[in-house]
Amino acid sequence: MFSSIAHQNYTGNQLQKQEGYYAAVAYTYFRSIGFRINAEEASAQGRAGLVIDTGQSIYVIEFKVDAKNPEEALRQIKDRGYHEPYLGQGLSIYLIGIHFNSEQKNVDVFDWELIK
């Protein structure tokens, strides 16, 4: 999905370095296929980039761009407990960390973990 965005969209700006850009594209995509989705979902320890509720599963997603440690996105979800408000609901909970490389303008690392 990200690799199909035209190079001209990045001309004269630094969109590819902004975490919010990638989150907005992902939000639009998931919303367009009918998922219930919340951006910057707040919890006691911070905000998850996106939370998707399919009715059967919860997907807690965090985005990072050019992080020193590409696995930082998934670790942040677990360390800050972004998934904890959804525990005990009888749903599968997926934690998803997505790291983007601004030079490639694409996903660099995709990590996930199933809770429950």
PDB file of N, CA and C in Angstrom:
ATOM      1  N   MET A   1       0.820  -1.187   0.000  1.00  0.00           N
ATOM      2  CA  MET A   1       0.000   0.000   0.000  1.00  0.00           C
ATOM      3  C   MET A   1       0.871   1.261   0.000  1.00  0.00           C
ATOM      4  N   PHE A   2       1.863   1.300   0.886  1.00  0.00           N
ATOM      5  CA  PHE A   2       2.689   2.501   0.982  1.00  0.00           C
ATOM      6  C   PHE A   2       3.616   2.663  -0.214  1.00  0.00           C
ATOM      7  N   SER A   3       4.077   1.556  -0.765  1.00  0.00           N
ATOM      8  CA  SER A   3       4.993   1.650  -1.903  1.00  0.00           C
ATOM      9  C   SER A   3       4.292   2.132  -3.163  1.00  0.00           C
ATOM     10  N   SER A   4       2.970   2.128  -3.186  1.00  0.00           N
ATOM     11  CA  SER A   4       2.248   2.597  -4.368  1.00  0.00           C
ATOM     12  C   SER A   4       1.938   4.093  -4.336  1.00  0.00           C
ATOM     13  N   ILE A   5       2.281   4.786  -3.257  1.00  0.00           N
ATOM     14  CA  ILE A   5       2.062   6.237  -3.187  1.00  0.00           C
ATOM     15  C   ILE A   5       3.104   6.920  -4.057  1.00  0.00           C
ATOM     16  N   ALA A   6       2.645   7.781  -4.932  1.00  0.00           N
ATOM     17  CA  ALA A   6       3.512   8.415  -5.926  1.00  0.00           C
ATOM     18  C   ALA A   6       4.632   9.246  -5.295  1.00  0.00           C
ATOM     19  N   HIS A   7       5.787   9.148  -5.883  1.00  0.00           N
ATOM     20  CA  HIS A   7       6.971   9.883  -5.423  1.00  0.00           C
ATOM     21  C   HIS A   7       6.709  11.395  -5.362  1.00  0.00           C
ATOM     22  N   GLN A   8       5.909  11.912  -6.263  1.00  0.00           N
ATOM     23  CA  GLN A   8       5.631  13.350  -6.310  1.00  0.00           C
ATOM     24  C   GLN A   8       4.958  13.851  -5.028  1.00  0.00           C
ATOM     25  N   ASN A   9       4.267  12.977  -4.331  1.00  0.00           N
ATOM     26  CA  ASN A   9       3.613  13.397  -3.089  1.00  0.00           C
ATOM     27  C   ASN A   9       4.603  13.798  -2.005  1.00  0.00           C
ATOM     28  N   TYR A  10       5.841  13.377  -2.152  1.00  0.00           N
ATOM     29  CA  TYR A  10       6.868  13.685  -1.158  1.00  0.00           C
ATOM     30  C   TYR A  10       7.746  14.876  -1.577  1.00  0.00           C
ATOM     31  N   THR A  11       7.523  15.400  -2.761  1.00  0.00           N
ATOM     32  CA  THR A  11       8.351  16.483  -3.284  1.00  0.00           C
ATOM     33  C   THR A  11       8.077  17.776  -2.512  1.00  0.00           C
ATOM     34  N   GLY A  12       9.137  18.390  -2.031  1.00  0.00           N
ATOM     35  CA  GLY A  12       9.016  19.684  -1.363  1.00  0.00           C
ATOM     36  C   GLY A  12       8.494  19.603   0.063  1.00  0.00           C
ATOM     37  N   ASN A  13       8.470  18.425   0.653  1.00  0.00           N
ATOM     38  CA  ASN A  13       8.018  18.298   2.035  1.00  0.00           C
ATOM     39  C   ASN A  13       8.746  17.129   2.693  1.00  0.00           C
ATOM     40  N   GLN A  14       8.458  16.896   3.930  1.00  0.00           N
ATOM     41  CA  GLN A  14       9.103  15.821   4.682  1.00  0.00           C
ATOM     42  C   GLN A  14       8.060  14.827   5.230  1.00  0.00           C
ATOM     43  N   LEU A  15       6.989  14.599   4.466  1.00  0.00           N
ATOM     44  CA  LEU A  15       5.931  13.699   4.917  1.00  0.00           C
ATOM     45  C   LEU A  15       6.459  12.351   5.382  1.00  0.00           C
ATOM     46  N   GLN A  16       7.421  11.826   4.650  1.00  0.00           N
ATOM     47  CA  GLN A  16       7.919  10.491   4.945  1.00  0.00           C
ATOM     48  C   GLN A  16       8.609  10.387   6.302  1.00  0.00           C
ATOM     49  N   LYS A  17       8.892  11.501   6.940  1.00  0.00           N
ATOM     50  CA  LYS A  17       9.533  11.492   8.257  1.00  0.00           C
ATOM     51  C   LYS A  17       8.518  11.653   9.394  1.00  0.00           C
ATOM     52  N   GLN A  18       7.239  11.776   9.050  1.00  0.00           N
ATOM     53  CA  GLN A  18       6.207  12.039  10.046  1.00  0.00           C
ATOM     54  C   GLN A  18       5.390  10.791  10.352  1.00  0.00           C
ATOM     55  N   GLU A  19       5.428  10.369  11.584  1.00  0.00           N
ATOM     56  CA  GLU A  19       4.659   9.200  12.010  1.00  0.00           C
ATOM     57  C   GLU A  19       3.169   9.371  11.711  1.00  0.00           C
ATOM     58  N   GLY A  20       2.660  10.566  11.907  1.00  0.00           N
ATOM     59  CA  GLY A  20       1.247  10.843  11.675  1.00  0.00           C
ATOM     60  C   GLY A  20       0.814  10.632  10.235  1.00  0.00           C
ATOM     61  N   TYR A  21       1.715  10.833   9.306  1.00  0.00           N
ATOM     62  CA  TYR A  21       1.401  10.604   7.886  1.00  0.00           C
ATOM     63  C   TYR A  21       1.066   9.129   7.669  1.00  0.00           C
ATOM     64  N   TYR A  22       1.932   8.241   8.139  1.00  0.00           N
ATOM     65  CA  TYR A  22       1.708   6.812   7.959  1.00  0.00           C
ATOM     66  C   TYR A  22       0.460   6.354   8.708  1.00  0.00           C
ATOM     67  N   ALA A  23       0.263   6.880   9.908  1.00  0.00           N
ATOM     68  CA  ALA A  23      -0.926   6.526  10.684  1.00  0.00           C
ATOM     69  C   ALA A  23      -2.194   6.966   9.965  1.00  0.00           C
ATOM     70  N   ALA A  24      -2.178   8.147   9.346  1.00  0.00           N
ATOM     71  CA  ALA A  24      -3.352   8.649   8.631  1.00  0.00           C
ATOM     72  C   ALA A  24      -3.673   7.792   7.410  1.00  0.00           C
ATOM     73  N   VAL A  25      -2.654   7.363   6.700  1.00  0.00           N
ATOM     74  CA  VAL A  25      -2.878   6.498   5.543  1.00  0.00           C
ATOM     75  C   VAL A  25      -3.470   5.167   6.001  1.00  0.00           C
ATOM     76  N   ALA A  26      -2.898   4.574   7.060  1.00  0.00           N
ATOM     77  CA  ALA A  26      -3.414   3.304   7.584  1.00  0.00           C
ATOM     78  C   ALA A  26      -4.845   3.482   8.102  1.00  0.00           C
ATOM     79  N   TYR A  27      -5.102   4.569   8.816  1.00  0.00           N
ATOM     80  CA  TYR A  27      -6.442   4.848   9.328  1.00  0.00           C
ATOM     81  C   TYR A  27      -7.452   4.898   8.182  1.00  0.00           C
ATOM     82  N   THR A  28      -7.119   5.628   7.147  1.00  0.00           N
ATOM     83  CA  THR A  28      -8.022   5.770   6.001  1.00  0.00           C
ATOM     84  C   THR A  28      -8.298   4.420   5.346  1.00  0.00           C
ATOM     85  N   TYR A  29      -7.268   3.631   5.192  1.00  0.00           N
ATOM     86  CA  TYR A  29      -7.428   2.321   4.579  1.00  0.00           C
ATOM     87  C   TYR A  29      -8.360   1.440   5.402  1.00  0.00           C
ATOM     88  N   PHE A  30      -8.076   1.286   6.698  1.00  0.00           N
ATOM     89  CA  PHE A  30      -8.880   0.410   7.535  1.00  0.00           C
ATOM     90  C   PHE A  30     -10.311   0.929   7.692  1.00  0.00           C
ATOM     91  N   ARG A  31     -10.465   2.218   7.764  1.00  0.00           N
ATOM     92  CA  ARG A  31     -11.800   2.813   7.880  1.00  0.00           C
ATOM     93  C   ARG A  31     -12.610   2.570   6.604  1.00  0.00           C
ATOM     94  N   SER A  32     -11.954   2.640   5.455  1.00  0.00           N
ATOM     95  CA  SER A  32     -12.650   2.479   4.174  1.00  0.00           C
ATOM     96  C   SER A  32     -13.171   1.058   3.976  1.00  0.00           C
ATOM     97  N   ILE A  33     -12.596   0.075   4.669  1.00  0.00           N
ATOM     98  CA  ILE A  33     -13.108  -1.286   4.533  1.00  0.00           C
ATOM     99  C   ILE A  33     -14.074  -1.649   5.666  1.00  0.00           C
ATOM    100  N   GLY A  34     -14.450  -0.644   6.441  1.00  0.00           N
ATOM    101  CA  GLY A  34     -15.551  -0.803   7.376  1.00  0.00           C
ATOM    102  C   GLY A  34     -15.221  -1.146   8.809  1.00  0.00           C
ATOM    103  N   PHE A  35     -13.957  -1.118   9.193  1.00  0.00           N
ATOM    104  CA  PHE A  35     -13.615  -1.421  10.580  1.00  0.00           C
ATOM    105  C   PHE A  35     -13.921  -0.240  11.493  1.00  0.00           C
ATOM    106  N   ARG A  36     -14.291  -0.567  12.729  1.00  0.00           N
ATOM    107  CA  ARG A  36     -14.402   0.473  13.760  1.00  0.00           C
ATOM    108  C   ARG A  36     -12.981   0.766  14.212  1.00  0.00           C
ATOM    109  N   ILE A  37     -12.610   2.020  14.148  1.00  0.00           N
ATOM    110  CA  ILE A  37     -11.210   2.363  14.391  1.00  0.00           C
ATOM    111  C   ILE A  37     -11.114   3.674  15.163  1.00  0.00           C
ATOM    112  N   ASN A  38     -10.168   3.719  16.083  1.00  0.00           N
ATOM    113  CA  ASN A  38      -9.886   4.933  16.850  1.00  0.00           C
ATOM    114  C   ASN A  38      -8.418   5.288  16.686  1.00  0.00           C
ATOM    115  N   ALA A  39      -8.167   6.511  16.335  1.00  0.00           N
ATOM    116  CA  ALA A  39      -6.792   7.000  16.226  1.00  0.00           C
ATOM    117  C   ALA A  39      -6.395   7.657  17.538  1.00  0.00           C
ATOM    118  N   GLU A  40      -5.134   7.469  17.902  1.00  0.00           N
ATOM    119  CA  GLU A  40      -4.587   8.056  19.126  1.00  0.00           C
ATOM    120  C   GLU A  40      -5.470   7.725  20.323  1.00  0.00           C
ATOM    121  N   GLU A  41      -5.775   6.445  20.473  1.00  0.00           N
ATOM    122  CA  GLU A  41      -6.617   5.957  21.564  1.00  0.00           C
ATOM    123  C   GLU A  41      -5.894   6.125  22.896  1.00  0.00           C
ATOM    124  N   ALA A  42      -6.473   6.911  23.791  1.00  0.00           N
ATOM    125  CA  ALA A  42      -5.845   7.237  25.060  1.00  0.00           C
ATOM    126  C   ALA A  42      -6.049   6.142  26.095  1.00  0.00           C
ATOM    127  N   SER A  43      -5.007   5.917  26.883  1.00  0.00           N
ATOM    128  CA  SER A  43      -5.079   5.027  28.045  1.00  0.00           C
ATOM    129  C   SER A  43      -4.352   5.726  29.187  1.00  0.00           C
ATOM    130  N   ALA A  44      -4.225   5.047  30.295  1.00  0.00           N
ATOM    131  CA  ALA A  44      -3.581   5.646  31.464  1.00  0.00           C
ATOM    132  C   ALA A  44      -2.101   5.947  31.235  1.00  0.00           C
ATOM    133  N   GLN A  45      -1.461   5.238  30.318  1.00  0.00           N
ATOM    134  CA  GLN A  45      -0.016   5.382  30.108  1.00  0.00           C
ATOM    135  C   GLN A  45       0.372   6.054  28.802  1.00  0.00           C
ATOM    136  N   GLY A  46      -0.590   6.549  28.035  1.00  0.00           N
ATOM    137  CA  GLY A  46      -0.263   7.201  26.764  1.00  0.00           C
ATOM    138  C   GLY A  46      -1.325   6.938  25.723  1.00  0.00           C
ATOM    139  N   ARG A  47      -0.905   6.971  24.461  1.00  0.00           N
ATOM    140  CA  ARG A  47      -1.857   6.811  23.365  1.00  0.00           C
ATOM    141  C   ARG A  47      -1.332   5.810  22.346  1.00  0.00           C
ATOM    142  N   ALA A  48      -2.182   4.867  21.994  1.00  0.00           N
ATOM    143  CA  ALA A  48      -1.859   3.923  20.920  1.00  0.00           C
ATOM    144  C   ALA A  48      -2.140   4.606  19.587  1.00  0.00           C
ATOM    145  N   GLY A  49      -1.336   4.336  18.588  1.00  0.00           N
ATOM    146  CA  GLY A  49      -1.529   4.960  17.274  1.00  0.00           C
ATOM    147  C   GLY A  49      -2.905   4.689  16.694  1.00  0.00           C
ATOM    148  N   LEU A  50      -3.297   3.415  16.632  1.00  0.00           N
ATOM    149  CA  LEU A  50      -4.620   3.020  16.153  1.00  0.00           C
ATOM    150  C   LEU A  50      -5.112   1.840  16.972  1.00  0.00           C
ATOM    151  N   VAL A  51      -6.408   1.799  17.197  1.00  0.00           N
ATOM    152  CA  VAL A  51      -7.049   0.631  17.779  1.00  0.00           C
ATOM    153  C   VAL A  51      -8.199   0.263  16.851  1.00  0.00           C
ATOM    154  N   ILE A  52      -8.168  -0.980  16.370  1.00  0.00           N
ATOM    155  CA  ILE A  52      -9.189  -1.466  15.452  1.00  0.00           C
ATOM    156  C   ILE A  52     -10.001  -2.534  16.166  1.00  0.00           C
ATOM    157  N   ASP A  53     -11.316  -2.402  16.115  1.00  0.00           N
ATOM    158  CA  ASP A  53     -12.234  -3.363  16.721  1.00  0.00           C
ATOM    159  C   ASP A  53     -13.043  -3.994  15.604  1.00  0.00           C
ATOM    160  N   THR A  54     -12.813  -5.289  15.359  1.00  0.00           N
ATOM    161  CA  THR A  54     -13.548  -5.986  14.302  1.00  0.00           C
ATOM    162  C   THR A  54     -14.812  -6.659  14.830  1.00  0.00           C
ATOM    163  N   GLY A  55     -15.023  -6.596  16.146  1.00  0.00           N
ATOM    164  CA  GLY A  55     -16.135  -7.296  16.755  1.00  0.00           C
ATOM    165  C   GLY A  55     -15.730  -8.675  17.253  1.00  0.00           C
ATOM    166  N   GLN A  56     -14.664  -9.219  16.684  1.00  0.00           N
ATOM    167  CA  GLN A  56     -14.136 -10.516  17.110  1.00  0.00           C
ATOM    168  C   GLN A  56     -12.729 -10.392  17.672  1.00  0.00           C
ATOM    169  N   SER A  57     -12.030  -9.365  17.238  1.00  0.00           N
ATOM    170  CA  SER A  57     -10.647  -9.142  17.667  1.00  0.00           C
ATOM    171  C   SER A  57     -10.400  -7.651  17.831  1.00  0.00           C
ATOM    172  N   ILE A  58      -9.399  -7.352  18.660  1.00  0.00           N
ATOM    173  CA  ILE A  58      -8.922  -5.979  18.843  1.00  0.00           C
ATOM    174  C   ILE A  58      -7.487  -5.949  18.327  1.00  0.00           C
ATOM    175  N   TYR A  59      -7.160  -4.941  17.538  1.00  0.00           N
ATOM    176  CA  TYR A  59      -5.803  -4.744  17.033  1.00  0.00           C
ATOM    177  C   TYR A  59      -5.287  -3.422  17.577  1.00  0.00           C
ATOM    178  N   VAL A  60      -4.244  -3.478  18.373  1.00  0.00           N
ATOM    179  CA  VAL A  60      -3.627  -2.289  18.940  1.00  0.00           C
ATOM    180  C   VAL A  60      -2.338  -2.059  18.156  1.00  0.00           C
ATOM    181  N   ILE A  61      -2.266  -0.919  17.472  1.00  0.00           N
ATOM    182  CA  ILE A  61      -1.164  -0.654  16.550  1.00  0.00           C
ATOM    183  C   ILE A  61      -0.396   0.586  16.975  1.00  0.00           C
ATOM    184  N   GLU A  62       0.919   0.481  16.942  1.00  0.00           N
ATOM    185  CA  GLU A  62       1.793   1.628  17.195  1.00  0.00           C
ATOM    186  C   GLU A  62       2.737   1.777  16.008  1.00  0.00           C
ATOM    187  N   PHE A  63       2.982   3.014  15.613  1.00  0.00           N
ATOM    188  CA  PHE A  63       3.851   3.328  14.482  1.00  0.00           C
ATOM    189  C   PHE A  63       5.112   4.036  14.966  1.00  0.00           C
ATOM    190  N   LYS A  64       6.204   3.778  14.300  1.00  0.00           N
ATOM    191  CA  LYS A  64       7.460   4.494  14.523  1.00  0.00           C
ATOM    192  C   LYS A  64       8.108   4.746  13.163  1.00  0.00           C
ATOM    193  N   VAL A  65       8.836   5.842  13.073  1.00  0.00           N
ATOM    194  CA  VAL A  65       9.578   6.184  11.856  1.00  0.00           C
ATOM    195  C   VAL A  65      11.033   6.417  12.232  1.00  0.00           C
ATOM    196  N   ASP A  66      11.932   5.720  11.558  1.00  0.00           N
ATOM    197  CA  ASP A  66      13.374   5.889  11.736  1.00  0.00           C
ATOM    198  C   ASP A  66      13.816   5.803  13.195  1.00  0.00           C
ATOM    199  N   ALA A  67      13.202   4.908  13.939  1.00  0.00           N
ATOM    200  CA  ALA A  67      13.592   4.716  15.346  1.00  0.00           C
ATOM    201  C   ALA A  67      14.958   4.058  15.414  1.00  0.00           C
ATOM    202  N   LYS A  68      15.687   4.320  16.486  1.00  0.00           N
ATOM    203  CA  LYS A  68      16.996   3.678  16.673  1.00  0.00           C
ATOM    204  C   LYS A  68      16.841   2.164  16.779  1.00  0.00           C
ATOM    205  N   ASN A  69      15.759   1.731  17.401  1.00  0.00           N
ATOM    206  CA  ASN A  69      15.458   0.309  17.512  1.00  0.00           C
ATOM    207  C   ASN A  69      14.120   0.069  16.813  1.00  0.00           C
ATOM    208  N   PRO A  70      14.118  -0.562  15.651  1.00  0.00           N
ATOM    209  CA  PRO A  70      12.869  -0.766  14.900  1.00  0.00           C
ATOM    210  C   PRO A  70      11.801  -1.561  15.644  1.00  0.00           C
ATOM    211  N   GLU A  71      12.196  -2.342  16.643  1.00  0.00           N
ATOM    212  CA  GLU A  71      11.224  -3.107  17.416  1.00  0.00           C
ATOM    213  C   GLU A  71      10.571  -2.260  18.519  1.00  0.00           C
ATOM    214  N   GLU A  72      10.915  -0.990  18.579  1.00  0.00           N
ATOM    215  CA  GLU A  72      10.424  -0.101  19.632  1.00  0.00           C
ATOM    216  C   GLU A  72       8.898   0.029  19.643  1.00  0.00           C
ATOM    217  N   ALA A  73       8.263  -0.021  18.490  1.00  0.00           N
ATOM    218  CA  ALA A  73       6.812   0.178  18.422  1.00  0.00           C
ATOM    219  C   ALA A  73       6.067  -0.902  19.207  1.00  0.00           C
ATOM    220  N   LEU A  74       6.391  -2.162  18.978  1.00  0.00           N
ATOM    221  CA  LEU A  74       5.731  -3.253  19.701  1.00  0.00           C
ATOM    222  C   LEU A  74       6.071  -3.192  21.189  1.00  0.00           C
ATOM    223  N   ARG A  75       7.299  -2.914  21.512  1.00  0.00           N
ATOM    224  CA  ARG A  75       7.708  -2.831  22.912  1.00  0.00           C
ATOM    225  C   ARG A  75       6.937  -1.724  23.635  1.00  0.00           C
ATOM    226  N   GLN A  76       6.706  -0.596  22.963  1.00  0.00           N
ATOM    227  CA  GLN A  76       5.969   0.515  23.577  1.00  0.00           C
ATOM    228  C   GLN A  76       4.545   0.096  23.931  1.00  0.00           C
ATOM    229  N   ILE A  77       3.893  -0.643  23.058  1.00  0.00           N
ATOM    230  CA  ILE A  77       2.530  -1.116  23.347  1.00  0.00           C
ATOM    231  C   ILE A  77       2.536  -1.950  24.622  1.00  0.00           C
ATOM    232  N   LYS A  78       3.475  -2.878  24.713  1.00  0.00           N
ATOM    233  CA  LYS A  78       3.530  -3.773  25.874  1.00  0.00           C
ATOM    234  C   LYS A  78       3.950  -3.028  27.135  1.00  0.00           C
ATOM    235  N   ASP A  79       4.985  -2.191  27.033  1.00  0.00           N
ATOM    236  CA  ASP A  79       5.480  -1.459  28.205  1.00  0.00           C
ATOM    237  C   ASP A  79       4.433  -0.511  28.772  1.00  0.00           C
ATOM    238  N   ARG A  80       3.670   0.107  27.918  1.00  0.00           N
ATOM    239  CA  ARG A  80       2.674   1.082  28.374  1.00  0.00           C
ATOM    240  C   ARG A  80       1.283   0.489  28.542  1.00  0.00           C
ATOM    241  N   GLY A  81       1.132  -0.776  28.215  1.00  0.00           N
ATOM    242  CA  GLY A  81      -0.142  -1.456  28.454  1.00  0.00           C
ATOM    243  C   GLY A  81      -1.302  -0.915  27.645  1.00  0.00           C
ATOM    244  N   TYR A  82      -1.054  -0.487  26.420  1.00  0.00           N
ATOM    245  CA  TYR A  82      -2.133   0.057  25.588  1.00  0.00           C
ATOM    246  C   TYR A  82      -3.265  -0.942  25.371  1.00  0.00           C
ATOM    247  N   HIS A  83      -2.969  -2.208  25.470  1.00  0.00           N
ATOM    248  CA  HIS A  83      -3.957  -3.260  25.250  1.00  0.00           C
ATOM    249  C   HIS A  83      -4.783  -3.580  26.498  1.00  0.00           C
ATOM    250  N   GLU A  84      -4.346  -3.162  27.653  1.00  0.00           N
ATOM    251  CA  GLU A  84      -4.978  -3.572  28.904  1.00  0.00           C
ATOM    252  C   GLU A  84      -6.457  -3.198  29.025  1.00  0.00           C
ATOM    253  N   PRO A  85      -6.919  -2.055  28.498  1.00  0.00           N
ATOM    254  CA  PRO A  85      -8.351  -1.758  28.614  1.00  0.00           C
ATOM    255  C   PRO A  85      -9.251  -2.790  27.914  1.00  0.00           C
ATOM    256  N   TYR A  86      -8.697  -3.616  27.051  1.00  0.00           N
ATOM    257  CA  TYR A  86      -9.485  -4.567  26.272  1.00  0.00           C
ATOM    258  C   TYR A  86      -9.429  -5.983  26.831  1.00  0.00           C
ATOM    259  N   LEU A  87      -8.624  -6.195  27.854  1.00  0.00           N
ATOM    260  CA  LEU A  87      -8.537  -7.511  28.476  1.00  0.00           C
ATOM    261  C   LEU A  87      -9.870  -7.864  29.143  1.00  0.00           C
ATOM    262  N   GLY A  88     -10.193  -9.135  29.171  1.00  0.00           N
ATOM    263  CA  GLY A  88     -11.403  -9.577  29.848  1.00  0.00           C
ATOM    264  C   GLY A  88     -12.673  -9.433  29.043  1.00  0.00           C
ATOM    265  N   GLN A  89     -12.564  -9.051  27.780  1.00  0.00           N
ATOM    266  CA  GLN A  89     -13.750  -8.895  26.938  1.00  0.00           C
ATOM    267  C   GLN A  89     -14.029 -10.143  26.098  1.00  0.00           C
ATOM    268  N   GLY A  90     -13.181 -11.161  26.227  1.00  0.00           N
ATOM    269  CA  GLY A  90     -13.386 -12.378  25.467  1.00  0.00           C
ATOM    270  C   GLY A  90     -12.963 -12.278  24.011  1.00  0.00           C
ATOM    271  N   LEU A  91     -12.198 -11.246  23.671  1.00  0.00           N
ATOM    272  CA  LEU A  91     -11.739 -11.044  22.301  1.00  0.00           C
ATOM    273  C   LEU A  91     -10.248 -11.335  22.194  1.00  0.00           C
ATOM    274  N   SER A  92      -9.819 -11.794  21.037  1.00  0.00           N
ATOM    275  CA  SER A  92      -8.386 -11.898  20.766  1.00  0.00           C
ATOM    276  C   SER A  92      -7.835 -10.493  20.626  1.00  0.00           C
ATOM    277  N   ILE A  93      -6.665 -10.270  21.202  1.00  0.00           N
ATOM    278  CA  ILE A  93      -6.035  -8.952  21.130  1.00  0.00           C
ATOM    279  C   ILE A  93      -4.686  -9.113  20.442  1.00  0.00           C
ATOM    280  N   TYR A  94      -4.524  -8.395  19.355  1.00  0.00           N
ATOM    281  CA  TYR A  94      -3.272  -8.415  18.608  1.00  0.00           C
ATOM    282  C   TYR A  94      -2.528  -7.112  18.850  1.00  0.00           C
ATOM    283  N   LEU A  95      -1.275  -7.212  19.227  1.00  0.00           N
ATOM    284  CA  LEU A  95      -0.406  -6.051  19.379  1.00  0.00           C
ATOM    285  C   LEU A  95       0.444  -5.989  18.123  1.00  0.00           C
ATOM    286  N   ILE A  96       0.455  -4.832  17.465  1.00  0.00           N
ATOM    287  CA  ILE A  96       1.165  -4.707  16.193  1.00  0.00           C
ATOM    288  C   ILE A  96       2.057  -3.476  16.219  1.00  0.00           C
ATOM    289  N   GLY A  97       3.330  -3.693  16.002  1.00  0.00           N
ATOM    290  CA  GLY A  97       4.297  -2.611  15.903  1.00  0.00           C
ATOM    291  C   GLY A  97       4.746  -2.488  14.456  1.00  0.00           C
ATOM    292  N   ILE A  98       4.636  -1.292  13.916  1.00  0.00           N
ATOM    293  CA  ILE A  98       5.023  -1.066  12.519  1.00  0.00           C
ATOM    294  C   ILE A  98       6.069   0.031  12.482  1.00  0.00           C
ATOM    295  N   HIS A  99       7.219  -0.285  11.926  1.00  0.00           N
ATOM    296  CA  HIS A  99       8.311   0.682  11.795  1.00  0.00           C
ATOM    297  C   HIS A  99       8.481   1.030  10.321  1.00  0.00           C
ATOM    298  N   PHE A 100       8.586   2.326  10.054  1.00  0.00           N
ATOM    299  CA  PHE A 100       8.770   2.821   8.693  1.00  0.00           C
ATOM    300  C   PHE A 100      10.173   3.374   8.511  1.00  0.00           C
ATOM    301  N   ASN A 101      10.703   3.156   7.347  1.00  0.00           N
ATOM    302  CA  ASN A 101      11.986   3.718   6.943  1.00  0.00           C
ATOM    303  C   ASN A 101      11.676   4.894   6.026  1.00  0.00           C
ATOM    304  N   SER A 102      12.057   6.111   6.427  1.00  0.00           N
ATOM    305  CA  SER A 102      11.693   7.297   5.650  1.00  0.00           C
ATOM    306  C   SER A 102      12.388   7.362   4.298  1.00  0.00           C
ATOM    307  N   GLU A 103      13.550   6.756   4.168  1.00  0.00           N
ATOM    308  CA  GLU A 103      14.223   6.751   2.864  1.00  0.00           C
ATOM    309  C   GLU A 103      13.492   5.833   1.890  1.00  0.00           C
ATOM    310  N   GLN A 104      13.061   4.685   2.374  1.00  0.00           N
ATOM    311  CA  GLN A 104      12.325   3.749   1.531  1.00  0.00           C
ATOM    312  C   GLN A 104      10.857   4.136   1.391  1.00  0.00           C
ATOM    313  N   LYS A 105      10.370   4.964   2.318  1.00  0.00           N
ATOM    314  CA  LYS A 105       8.963   5.381   2.366  1.00  0.00           C
ATOM    315  C   LYS A 105       8.046   4.169   2.442  1.00  0.00           C
ATOM    316  N   ASN A 106       8.439   3.217   3.278  1.00  0.00           N
ATOM    317  CA  ASN A 106       7.692   1.972   3.350  1.00  0.00           C
ATOM    318  C   ASN A 106       7.934   1.293   4.699  1.00  0.00           C
ATOM    319  N   VAL A 107       7.183   0.239   4.944  1.00  0.00           N
ATOM    320  CA  VAL A 107       7.343  -0.561   6.154  1.00  0.00           C
ATOM    321  C   VAL A 107       8.715  -1.214   6.139  1.00  0.00           C
ATOM    322  N   ASP A 108       9.402  -1.068   7.241  1.00  0.00           N
ATOM    323  CA  ASP A 108      10.743  -1.635   7.408  1.00  0.00           C
ATOM    324  C   ASP A 108      10.677  -2.876   8.301  1.00  0.00           C
ATOM    325  N   VAL A 109       9.949  -2.775   9.398  1.00  0.00           N
ATOM    326  CA  VAL A 109       9.791  -3.884  10.339  1.00  0.00           C
ATOM    327  C   VAL A 109       8.325  -3.954  10.745  1.00  0.00           C
ATOM    328  N   PHE A 110       7.795  -5.172  10.752  1.00  0.00           N
ATOM    329  CA  PHE A 110       6.413  -5.421  11.165  1.00  0.00           C
ATOM    330  C   PHE A 110       6.464  -6.529  12.212  1.00  0.00           C
ATOM    331  N   ASP A 111       6.151  -6.190  13.467  1.00  0.00           N
ATOM    332  CA  ASP A 111       6.150  -7.152  14.565  1.00  0.00           C
ATOM    333  C   ASP A 111       4.744  -7.268  15.118  1.00  0.00           C
ATOM    334  N   TRP A 112       4.381  -8.455  15.546  1.00  0.00           N
ATOM    335  CA  TRP A 112       3.069  -8.608  16.184  1.00  0.00           C
ATOM    336  C   TRP A 112       3.110  -9.711  17.229  1.00  0.00           C
ATOM    337  N   GLU A 113       2.122  -9.636  18.111  1.00  0.00           N
ATOM    338  CA  GLU A 113       1.991 -10.614  19.176  1.00  0.00           C
ATOM    339  C   GLU A 113       0.515 -10.777  19.501  1.00  0.00           C
ATOM    340  N   LEU A 114       0.095 -12.000  19.712  1.00  0.00           N
ATOM    341  CA  LEU A 114      -1.284 -12.288  20.082  1.00  0.00           C
ATOM    342  C   LEU A 114      -1.387 -12.405  21.595  1.00  0.00           C
ATOM    343  N   ILE A 115      -2.309 -11.677  22.190  1.00  0.00           N
ATOM    344  CA  ILE A 115      -2.603 -11.781  23.617  1.00  0.00           C
ATOM    345  C   ILE A 115      -3.911 -12.556  23.720  1.00  0.00           C
ATOM    346  N   LYS A 116      -3.923 -13.579  24.523  1.00  0.00           N
ATOM    347  CA  LYS A 116      -5.093 -14.439  24.792  1.00  0.00           C
ATOM    348  C   LYS A 116      -5.111 -15.664  23.976  1.00  0.00           C
TER     349      LYS A 116
END
